[in-house]
Every structure is written in structure tokens, then in C-alpha cells.
């Protein structure tokens, strides 16, 4: 038997609001195969006008709804989601433009410099640095077959080199030059646009030679510049919106939770079953009792529904930016903050243990790790006896129910003592 957990997170990390990354209010979607959060994929250019393919399928956790094979038995024992009913958005004033300013020098004779490597690093993620190799000591091409183009002699050429790399990270480049002694000094400014108060700050590294490697092949004048950035402008972001989310389990095409009229409901709210759970407080929280069984041959899913309309909030913020007399200061919808989470815990029983689970269901005994171990123990103890008699099954069922009854009585007795002590 194995106890597994599934943690789904919706935290769009996009340059501005992207409607495809936020779920529509009141529309259930799968946290396994849905297009949102940690289950979704990144859009790429369509191959046709009728389809929008997606990249990185190998990184997707689950491509199809899980189908229980014949040798397994699944028990869903717990779940929870982000609590919060009212949206309660927060207005956060944070950096909008993060600026780097640095200087590169090249001798007036022969008047050439060369960028050998450019790096972009999100703060705290040095191992995930994005780099571009522009070194070209032999005049050949790089590993991708592209010509090296790191050599520059004018401000326009240097600006093009920097823009070709930093533009993909929302970097705006400006370059000017002056003459100082025997050197031409290039003053470079790279402004990065940020889209949320929690977006990691960018870091850049520039490696260059004061003369082209073609003219100075030994490369003894290679320099590395790691400039220090600073915030050059701020803006108000709207963040921290509560999802007012609901979780429902689905077996095949049947939803587990229904409303009083026996119609499918959205499920259990994050306030009733919060994640993370409230620890250390005597606050009633929803418990999945009895647990949900998924039998061999059945598919299952966990659906999540967001009731607060993020799209409407963004449309309102866009209106404030264009209204002739806005009722309040304009702000932008921030990204890079955590909107919703869903936690799921379940047991997988395989092979002989799956058969035991089937027998426990027939006997009316709850399928738990303890009951499966207890049943295996009784089988070993009764080795050599006739185990397939109806009377023996009834005796086992009565024995387990008596044990379970005593356990429940002890639980309620202790709980009553705690309540009276308050």
C-alpha cells in the first residue's frame, strides 16, 4: 500500500494578465488534466486556425484522467483547498521598472569590442540562468548553427546585441557613447518591466572583451560585469484575491457531492475543508468520512470551481485606466502571486491487498490501512482452516464492528471531556 498526495497550485507567472491562465467563475475544471495552474501547459503558436497546441507535454503531471487498473484499489481519504469567500483584493505598491546601468569600454584602435556571453537570472535561481553564447574566436557558428554576432563598434550595434537577448524578458535597452582618452565608453541602460509585487527581481551578467577576439585572439582582456540594479518606478498592483473555491470528487461521470435536490453541486468549500489545515485550534473542519472508494475499471477526477470572477475584476481595472474621471487611482492586475491551492491525499492498494479491499467492502468493513493489515493477519492466523464459509465471514464482521464501536466511543468520550474542560 502507498499513501500519495497531489498538490495543485494556481499561480500564473505571466507578463501581465493572460485570460487563458485564469478560470471562469462557476465553471468546474479538473486539477489533473485541466488547462489551469500546475496541471496546465504554456501556449505556443497554433499550427492552424482551429487548434491551439501546447508545449512541454512531457512535463504535464497527468495527461488523461486516471483509470484504476484491475490490480489496484484506491481510497481517497482527505482533501482541502484555499479558504476565503469574499475576494478582498489587496492594493500593493511595488516596483514596476527595475533598472540596470553599466559601462563597456573598447579601445579607439581598432575600435571593436565583443560581447562573449549574456545572462539573465531570476533572483534566487542561479541554477536556472538563461544564457546566450556570443564568443567566436574562430569565426564559426555556434552549436545551433547560428552565426555569432557579439562584435560591436557603435552604440546601435551594441543596442541590437543586448535587445536581441533581453527583449524576451521584458527588457528595454538604451545605449549612448562618449570618448574618454583612448577608449570609447558605452553607457548602457536595461529597464525590466515587472508585473507583480512577488515577481523575482532580474539579475544580469555581461561578459565581454575590449577588442574583438578576431583582432585579439588570446582573449586576455576578457571582463565580467555584474551590475547592481535599482527600482526606477513603482505602481499599484491588485493581488491576493480569495478564490471562494469548491472541491468535488468525480467517479466516472458521477459527482460525489450533490445538493438537497439530488443535483450535482460544486462540492466542499475551502472554508469547510481548508488547506493548509488549521492546526492547534478547536475549529470544526470537514472530514471525508466515510472515505471514497475507486474500484478497478473506474476513472476518477478532482474538480475545482472558482466562484470569484477574476476576469470581471481585470475588466474593471482596465476601465479605470481609460475612464475620463476614474473613481479611484488606477492599478494593474498583478501576477506571480498564489491564487488557489488544492491538496489531495489517497491510498493505493495493489495486487493481493486490492483483493482484500474488495472482500472488506463485501463484509461492510471500512477499507483502511489498519483494516487491510488486520485482515491479512487473520488470514495468516487461520492458515489451513476453511476460510470460505459464510459463518466465518459474519464472525469477522461482528468482531471488526465491535472493535470500531469501542474506538468511536473512546473518541467521543475524550472529545466530550475536552469540551467540558473549556
Protein backbone atom coordinates (compact mmCIF):
# COMPACT_ATOMS: atom_id res chain seq x y z
CA UNK A 1 0.00 0.00 0.00
CA UNK A 2 1.13 3.53 -0.77
CA UNK A 3 -0.06 6.87 0.56
CA UNK A 4 0.22 9.55 -2.14
CA UNK A 5 -0.52 13.28 -2.18
CA UNK A 6 -1.32 15.61 -5.07
CA UNK A 7 -0.74 19.34 -4.67
CA UNK A 8 -2.26 21.63 -7.30
CA UNK A 9 -1.31 25.33 -7.38
CA UNK A 10 -2.70 28.20 -9.46
CA UNK A 11 -0.02 30.90 -9.60
CA UNK A 12 0.21 32.44 -13.08
CA UNK A 13 3.69 33.72 -13.87
CA UNK A 14 2.99 35.81 -16.95
CA UNK A 15 3.97 39.27 -18.13
CA UNK A 16 0.60 40.87 -17.40
CA UNK A 17 -2.92 39.46 -17.23
CA UNK A 18 -3.49 36.49 -19.54
CA UNK A 19 -7.15 35.44 -19.66
CA UNK A 20 -6.25 31.85 -20.60
CA UNK A 21 -4.46 31.34 -17.29
CA UNK A 22 -7.45 32.23 -15.08
CA UNK A 23 -10.58 30.02 -14.76
CA UNK A 24 -14.06 31.34 -15.47
CA UNK A 25 -16.25 31.81 -12.40
CA UNK A 26 -18.67 28.96 -11.75
CA UNK A 27 -17.08 26.57 -14.29
CA UNK A 28 -15.68 23.33 -12.77
CA UNK A 29 -12.38 22.05 -14.16
CA UNK A 30 -10.07 19.14 -13.47
CA UNK A 31 -6.97 19.72 -11.36
CA UNK A 32 -5.45 16.67 -13.10
CA UNK A 33 -5.97 17.43 -16.78
CA UNK A 34 -7.40 20.98 -16.80
CA UNK A 35 -5.69 23.91 -18.51
CA UNK A 36 -5.09 25.93 -15.35
CA UNK A 37 -2.40 26.03 -12.69
CA UNK A 38 0.23 23.34 -12.28
CA UNK A 39 -1.80 20.96 -14.48
CA UNK A 40 -1.82 23.31 -17.49
CA UNK A 41 0.64 23.97 -20.26
CA UNK A 42 2.18 27.02 -21.94
CA UNK A 43 0.58 28.19 -25.16
CA UNK A 44 2.61 28.26 -28.37
CA UNK A 45 1.88 29.42 -31.91
CA UNK A 46 -1.01 27.47 -33.50
CA UNK A 47 -0.44 25.16 -36.43
CA UNK A 48 -3.87 26.01 -37.80
CA UNK A 49 -6.67 28.50 -37.23
CA UNK A 50 -8.82 25.88 -35.47
CA UNK A 51 -6.37 24.49 -32.92
CA UNK A 52 -4.14 25.89 -30.18
CA UNK A 53 -1.48 23.27 -29.41
CA UNK A 54 0.57 23.38 -26.25
CA UNK A 55 4.23 22.77 -25.45
CA UNK A 56 6.01 20.58 -22.86
CA UNK A 57 3.56 17.68 -22.74
CA UNK A 58 6.20 15.53 -21.07
CA UNK A 59 6.13 17.88 -18.06
CA UNK A 60 2.39 17.54 -17.53
CA UNK A 61 1.59 15.54 -14.40
CA UNK A 62 -1.43 13.69 -15.83
CA UNK A 63 -2.42 13.72 -19.50
CA UNK A 64 -5.60 11.63 -19.07
CA UNK A 65 -8.00 11.01 -16.20
CA UNK A 66 -6.59 8.23 -14.00
CA UNK A 67 -8.19 4.83 -14.67
CA UNK A 68 -7.85 2.26 -11.89
CA UNK A 69 -6.31 -0.96 -13.31
CA UNK A 70 -7.58 -4.42 -12.38
CA UNK A 71 -4.86 -4.96 -9.76
CA UNK A 72 -5.45 -1.74 -7.79
CA UNK A 73 -7.93 -0.28 -5.32
CA UNK A 74 -7.88 3.43 -4.46
CA UNK A 75 -9.15 5.08 -1.30
CA UNK A 76 -9.44 8.89 -1.24
CA UNK A 77 -9.11 9.87 2.42
CA UNK A 78 -8.62 13.65 2.57
CA UNK A 79 -8.67 16.88 0.59
CA UNK A 80 -8.64 20.62 1.15
CA UNK A 81 -8.39 23.90 -0.74
CA UNK A 82 -7.62 27.58 -0.23
CA UNK A 83 -10.16 29.20 2.14
CA UNK A 84 -11.83 32.55 1.62
CA UNK A 85 -15.27 33.69 0.43
CA UNK A 86 -15.08 37.44 -0.25
CA UNK A 87 -12.49 38.45 -2.87
CA UNK A 88 -10.81 41.04 -0.57
CA UNK A 89 -8.22 42.18 -3.13
CA UNK A 90 -5.12 43.90 -1.81
CA UNK A 91 -3.59 47.02 -3.33
CA UNK A 92 0.19 46.72 -3.14
CA UNK A 93 2.60 49.46 -4.21
CA UNK A 94 5.72 47.81 -5.60
CA UNK A 95 8.43 48.20 -8.20
CA UNK A 96 7.29 48.47 -11.82
CA UNK A 97 10.60 49.27 -13.54
CA UNK A 98 13.86 47.72 -12.38
CA UNK A 99 16.90 49.39 -13.94
CA UNK A 100 20.48 48.34 -14.59
CA UNK A 101 23.12 50.85 -15.73
CA UNK A 102 26.65 49.80 -16.66
CA UNK A 103 29.57 50.83 -18.88
CA UNK A 104 31.52 48.94 -21.53
CA UNK A 105 34.82 50.23 -22.92
CA UNK A 106 36.55 49.49 -26.21
CA UNK A 107 39.86 50.97 -27.49
CA UNK A 108 39.63 53.53 -30.26
CA UNK A 109 42.11 51.38 -32.19
CA UNK A 110 40.99 49.01 -33.67
CA UNK A 111 37.64 50.32 -32.39
CA UNK A 112 35.99 46.94 -31.83
CA UNK A 113 34.54 45.25 -28.76
CA UNK A 114 32.82 41.91 -28.36
CA UNK A 115 30.11 40.56 -26.08
CA UNK A 116 31.06 36.94 -25.38
CA UNK A 117 28.12 35.94 -23.16
CA UNK A 118 24.88 37.39 -21.79
CA UNK A 119 23.00 36.00 -18.77
CA UNK A 120 19.55 36.57 -17.28
CA UNK A 121 18.88 35.23 -13.79
CA UNK A 122 15.77 35.37 -11.65
CA UNK A 123 16.81 36.29 -8.11
CA UNK A 124 17.48 33.16 -6.08
CA UNK A 125 17.53 30.84 -9.12
CA UNK A 126 21.14 30.97 -10.31
CA UNK A 127 20.99 27.33 -11.44
CA UNK A 128 18.21 28.28 -13.91
CA UNK A 129 20.13 31.13 -15.57
CA UNK A 130 19.31 31.82 -19.21
CA UNK A 131 22.45 32.43 -21.27
CA UNK A 132 23.42 33.38 -24.81
CA UNK A 133 26.89 32.45 -26.06
CA UNK A 134 28.33 35.06 -28.44
CA UNK A 135 32.00 34.08 -28.33
CA UNK A 136 33.56 33.44 -31.73
CA UNK A 137 37.35 33.10 -31.65
CA UNK A 138 37.47 31.14 -34.91
CA UNK A 139 34.77 32.96 -36.87
CA UNK A 140 32.49 29.89 -36.99
CA UNK A 141 28.90 29.34 -35.86
CA UNK A 142 27.54 28.20 -32.52
CA UNK A 143 26.15 24.73 -31.70
CA UNK A 144 22.75 25.69 -33.13
CA UNK A 145 24.29 26.69 -36.45
CA UNK A 146 23.65 30.40 -35.88
CA UNK A 147 26.36 32.98 -36.69
CA UNK A 148 27.99 34.71 -33.75
CA UNK A 149 27.15 38.41 -33.65
CA UNK A 150 28.75 39.74 -30.48
CA UNK A 151 31.16 42.16 -32.18
CA UNK A 152 30.24 45.84 -31.97
CA UNK A 153 31.80 49.20 -32.76
CA UNK A 154 28.83 51.59 -32.46
CA UNK A 155 26.05 52.26 -29.96
CA UNK A 156 23.45 50.98 -32.42
CA UNK A 157 25.24 47.65 -32.82
CA UNK A 158 25.62 47.17 -29.07
CA UNK A 159 21.96 48.05 -28.51
CA UNK A 160 20.89 45.44 -31.06
CA UNK A 161 23.01 42.76 -29.37
CA UNK A 162 21.54 43.48 -25.94
CA UNK A 163 17.95 43.82 -27.22
CA UNK A 164 18.09 40.50 -29.07
CA UNK A 165 18.52 38.74 -25.73
CA UNK A 166 16.87 40.87 -23.03
CA UNK A 167 13.74 41.77 -25.02
CA UNK A 168 12.25 38.33 -24.31
CA UNK A 169 12.42 39.13 -20.57
CA UNK A 170 10.63 42.48 -20.97
CA UNK A 171 13.93 44.38 -21.02
CA UNK A 172 14.13 47.80 -22.70
CA UNK A 173 17.65 48.80 -23.79
CA UNK A 174 19.22 52.20 -24.43
CA UNK A 175 22.90 52.84 -25.27
CA UNK A 176 24.95 56.03 -25.63
CA UNK A 177 28.68 56.51 -26.08
CA UNK A 178 31.39 59.08 -25.33
CA UNK A 179 35.15 59.21 -25.86
CA UNK A 180 37.41 59.18 -22.82
CA UNK A 181 41.15 59.12 -23.52
CA UNK A 182 41.95 56.15 -25.76
CA UNK A 183 38.62 54.44 -25.12
CA UNK A 184 35.09 54.70 -26.38
CA UNK A 185 32.82 54.37 -23.34
CA UNK A 186 29.37 52.86 -23.94
CA UNK A 187 26.80 53.68 -21.23
CA UNK A 188 24.08 51.01 -21.27
CA UNK A 189 20.70 51.04 -19.50
CA UNK A 190 18.42 47.98 -19.32
CA UNK A 191 14.95 48.56 -17.84
CA UNK A 192 12.97 45.45 -16.88
CA UNK A 193 9.19 45.75 -16.50
CA UNK A 194 7.79 43.85 -13.50
CA UNK A 195 4.22 42.57 -13.26
CA UNK A 196 3.72 41.75 -9.59
CA UNK A 197 4.99 42.53 -6.13
CA UNK A 198 6.24 38.95 -5.66
CA UNK A 199 7.91 38.61 -9.08
CA UNK A 200 11.58 37.65 -8.60
CA UNK A 201 13.91 40.55 -9.37
CA UNK A 202 16.01 40.05 -12.50
CA UNK A 203 19.80 39.82 -12.39
CA UNK A 204 22.09 40.17 -15.40
CA UNK A 205 25.70 39.31 -16.19
CA UNK A 206 27.65 40.62 -19.19
CA UNK A 207 30.91 39.06 -20.33
CA UNK A 208 32.88 40.97 -22.98
CA UNK A 209 36.29 41.73 -24.44
CA UNK A 210 37.53 45.25 -25.02
CA UNK A 211 38.65 44.27 -28.51
CA UNK A 212 37.17 41.71 -30.88
CA UNK A 213 38.51 38.20 -30.44
CA UNK A 214 39.32 38.28 -34.14
CA UNK A 215 41.75 41.14 -33.51
CA UNK A 216 42.83 39.96 -30.06
CA UNK A 217 42.68 36.20 -30.27
CA UNK A 218 44.35 35.47 -26.94
CA UNK A 219 41.39 36.90 -25.03
CA UNK A 220 43.46 38.08 -22.08
CA UNK A 221 41.28 41.18 -21.76
CA UNK A 222 38.02 39.32 -21.01
CA UNK A 223 35.89 41.11 -18.41
CA UNK A 224 32.77 40.13 -16.46
CA UNK A 225 30.29 42.78 -15.34
CA UNK A 226 27.63 42.07 -12.73
CA UNK A 227 25.82 45.41 -12.34
CA UNK A 228 23.69 46.38 -9.36
CA UNK A 229 20.08 47.20 -10.16
CA UNK A 230 17.63 49.58 -8.52
CA UNK A 231 13.93 50.34 -8.75
CA UNK A 232 13.26 53.21 -11.16
CA UNK A 233 9.47 53.40 -10.82
CA UNK A 234 6.55 51.96 -8.84
CA UNK A 235 2.91 51.11 -9.48
CA UNK A 236 -0.07 49.76 -7.54
CA UNK A 237 -0.85 46.08 -8.10
CA UNK A 238 -4.11 44.33 -7.25
CA UNK A 239 -3.24 40.96 -5.72
CA UNK A 240 -4.21 38.46 -3.03
CA UNK A 241 -7.75 37.83 -4.26
CA UNK A 242 -9.54 34.96 -2.49
CA UNK A 243 -10.90 32.27 -4.84
CA UNK A 244 -14.08 31.19 -2.97
CA UNK A 245 -13.33 27.71 -4.33
CA UNK A 246 -15.11 24.36 -4.07
CA UNK A 247 -13.76 20.82 -4.48
CA UNK A 248 -15.78 17.89 -5.79
CA UNK A 249 -14.84 14.28 -6.47
CA UNK A 250 -15.96 12.56 -9.67
CA UNK A 251 -16.19 8.82 -10.24
CA UNK A 252 -16.65 8.03 -13.93
CA UNK A 253 -19.23 10.70 -14.85
CA UNK A 254 -20.89 11.00 -11.41
CA UNK A 255 -20.08 13.78 -8.98
CA UNK A 256 -19.77 12.69 -5.37
CA UNK A 257 -21.41 15.71 -3.72
CA UNK A 258 -24.99 16.71 -4.54
CA UNK A 259 -27.37 19.43 -3.38
CA UNK A 260 -30.58 18.63 -1.42
CA UNK A 261 -32.47 18.26 -4.74
CA UNK A 262 -30.06 15.45 -5.77
CA UNK A 263 -28.46 17.62 -8.40
CA UNK A 264 -24.65 17.81 -8.73
CA UNK A 265 -23.19 20.58 -6.57
CA UNK A 266 -19.87 22.35 -6.68
CA UNK A 267 -18.66 20.36 -3.67
CA UNK A 268 -16.98 21.32 -0.40
CA UNK A 269 -15.73 24.88 0.06
CA UNK A 270 -12.23 25.84 1.15
CA UNK A 271 -13.67 27.31 4.34
CA UNK A 272 -15.14 23.93 5.32
CA UNK A 273 -12.06 21.93 4.30
CA UNK A 274 -9.15 24.42 4.32
CA UNK A 275 -5.63 23.88 3.07
CA UNK A 276 -3.35 24.35 4.89
CA UNK A 277 -5.38 22.96 7.75
CA UNK A 278 -5.96 24.94 10.93
CA UNK A 279 -3.63 23.37 13.48
CA UNK A 280 -3.79 23.97 17.20
CA UNK A 281 -7.30 25.42 17.27
CA UNK A 282 -10.59 23.71 18.13
CA UNK A 283 -12.25 24.73 14.89
CA UNK A 284 -14.58 22.20 13.20
CA UNK A 285 -13.20 21.11 9.84
CA UNK A 286 -14.74 18.84 7.25
CA UNK A 287 -13.56 15.24 7.33
CA UNK A 288 -14.04 12.85 4.42
CA UNK A 289 -15.93 10.17 6.34
CA UNK A 290 -16.53 7.62 5.01
CA UNK A 291 -13.63 7.61 2.60
CA UNK A 292 -14.31 7.43 -1.13
CA UNK A 293 -13.51 4.14 -2.88
CA UNK A 294 -12.47 3.97 -6.53
CA UNK A 295 -12.89 0.42 -7.81
CA UNK A 296 -10.94 -1.31 -10.60
CA UNK A 297 -12.15 -0.19 -14.02
CA UNK A 298 -13.36 3.20 -12.80
CA UNK A 299 -11.88 6.58 -13.71
CA UNK A 300 -11.78 9.37 -11.16
CA UNK A 301 -11.15 13.06 -11.05
CA UNK A 302 -11.00 16.03 -8.68
CA UNK A 303 -12.82 19.12 -9.95
CA UNK A 304 -12.28 22.62 -8.64
CA UNK A 305 -14.64 25.57 -9.10
CA UNK A 306 -13.75 29.22 -8.54
CA UNK A 307 -16.71 31.48 -7.75
CA UNK A 308 -14.98 34.88 -7.66
CA UNK A 309 -14.74 36.39 -11.14
CA UNK A 310 -11.12 37.32 -11.85
CA UNK A 311 -11.92 38.28 -15.44
CA UNK A 312 -14.50 40.85 -14.30
CA UNK A 313 -12.01 42.32 -11.83
CA UNK A 314 -9.43 42.76 -14.59
CA UNK A 315 -12.01 44.38 -16.89
CA UNK A 316 -12.83 46.85 -14.12
CA UNK A 317 -9.15 47.71 -13.66
CA UNK A 318 -8.80 48.25 -17.41
CA UNK A 319 -11.83 50.55 -17.29
CA UNK A 320 -10.21 52.63 -14.57
CA UNK A 321 -7.18 53.13 -16.81
CA UNK A 322 -9.32 54.56 -19.62
CA UNK A 323 -12.17 56.28 -17.75
CA UNK A 324 -12.16 60.08 -18.11
CA UNK A 325 -12.83 60.52 -14.41
CA UNK A 326 -11.79 57.33 -12.60
CA UNK A 327 -13.39 56.84 -9.17
CA UNK A 328 -10.01 55.90 -7.69
CA UNK A 329 -6.36 55.73 -8.62
CA UNK A 330 -5.74 53.23 -11.46
CA UNK A 331 -3.95 50.00 -10.67
CA UNK A 332 -2.84 46.93 -12.61
CA UNK A 333 -3.79 43.32 -12.00
CA UNK A 334 -0.64 41.71 -10.60
CA UNK A 335 0.69 38.26 -11.39
CA UNK A 336 3.25 35.93 -9.78
CA UNK A 337 1.10 35.57 -6.61
CA UNK A 338 -0.57 32.38 -5.40
CA UNK A 339 -4.31 32.41 -6.08
CA UNK A 340 -5.52 28.93 -5.15
CA UNK A 341 -4.29 25.54 -3.95
CA UNK A 342 -5.89 22.10 -3.75
CA UNK A 343 -4.47 19.26 -1.67
CA UNK A 344 -5.46 15.61 -2.12
CA UNK A 345 -4.41 12.55 -0.13
CA UNK A 346 -5.22 8.99 -1.19
CA UNK A 347 -4.15 5.37 -0.69
CA UNK A 348 -3.29 2.91 -3.46
CA UNK A 349 -3.65 -0.80 -2.64
CA UNK A 350 -2.19 -3.23 -5.19
CA UNK A 351 -2.29 -6.92 -6.08
CA UNK A 352 -3.25 -9.10 -3.08
CA UNK A 353 -4.11 -6.07 -0.95
CA UNK A 354 -6.53 -4.90 -3.66
CA UNK A 355 -8.34 -8.25 -3.41
CA UNK A 356 -8.53 -7.83 0.36
CA UNK A 357 -10.09 -4.38 -0.16
CA UNK A 358 -12.78 -5.94 -2.34
CA UNK A 359 -13.55 -8.51 0.37
CA UNK A 360 -13.70 -5.83 3.09
CA UNK A 361 -16.25 -3.90 1.00
CA UNK A 362 -18.38 -7.06 0.73
CA UNK A 363 -18.21 -7.50 4.51
CA UNK A 364 -19.18 -3.88 5.16
CA UNK A 365 -15.85 -3.12 6.86
CA UNK A 366 -14.21 0.27 6.14
CA UNK A 367 -11.18 0.00 3.86
CA UNK A 368 -8.28 1.49 5.79
CA UNK A 369 -4.60 0.56 6.11
CA UNK A 370 -5.38 -0.80 9.60
CA UNK A 371 -8.25 -2.99 8.38
CA UNK A 372 -6.20 -4.36 5.48
CA UNK A 373 -3.33 -5.26 7.82
CA UNK A 374 -5.80 -6.77 10.31
CA UNK A 375 -7.39 -8.89 7.60
CA UNK A 376 -4.00 -10.17 6.41
CA UNK A 377 -3.12 -11.05 9.98
CA UNK A 378 -6.34 -13.06 10.41
CA UNK A 379 -5.66 -14.94 7.18
CA UNK A 380 -2.20 -15.92 8.45
CA UNK A 381 -3.63 -16.95 11.81
CA UNK A 382 -6.31 -19.13 10.17
CA UNK A 383 -3.93 -20.92 7.79
CA UNK A 384 -5.20 -24.39 6.99
CA UNK A 385 -8.81 -23.68 8.02
CA UNK A 386 -11.84 -23.46 5.77
CA UNK A 387 -11.88 -19.70 5.19
CA UNK A 388 -14.74 -19.52 2.65
CA UNK A 389 -17.63 -20.22 4.99
CA UNK A 390 -20.33 -17.61 5.41
CA UNK A 391 -20.39 -18.06 9.19
CA UNK A 392 -16.69 -17.23 9.45
CA UNK A 393 -17.20 -14.02 7.47
CA UNK A 394 -20.04 -12.99 9.76
CA UNK A 395 -17.87 -13.60 12.79
CA UNK A 396 -15.09 -11.43 11.35
CA UNK A 397 -17.55 -8.68 10.50
CA UNK A 398 -19.03 -8.69 14.00
CA UNK A 399 -15.55 -8.69 15.51
CA UNK A 400 -14.40 -5.69 13.48
CA UNK A 401 -17.57 -3.70 14.09
CA UNK A 402 -17.22 -4.29 17.82
CA UNK A 403 -13.62 -3.01 17.71
CA UNK A 404 -14.70 0.01 15.64
CA UNK A 405 -17.58 0.76 18.02
CA UNK A 406 -15.26 0.81 21.03
CA UNK A 407 -12.85 3.07 19.21
CA UNK A 408 -15.63 5.52 18.32
CA UNK A 409 -16.92 5.54 21.91
CA UNK A 410 -13.43 6.30 23.22
CA UNK A 411 -13.03 9.10 20.66
CA UNK A 412 -16.33 10.78 21.59
CA UNK A 413 -15.63 10.32 25.31
CA UNK A 414 -12.29 12.15 25.01
CA UNK A 415 -13.85 14.83 22.83
CA UNK A 416 -16.62 15.37 25.40
CA UNK A 417 -14.05 15.74 28.17
CA UNK A 418 -12.22 18.40 26.12
CA UNK A 419 -15.45 20.30 25.51
CA UNK A 420 -16.42 20.24 29.21
CA UNK A 421 -12.93 21.40 30.17
CA UNK A 422 -13.49 24.59 28.16
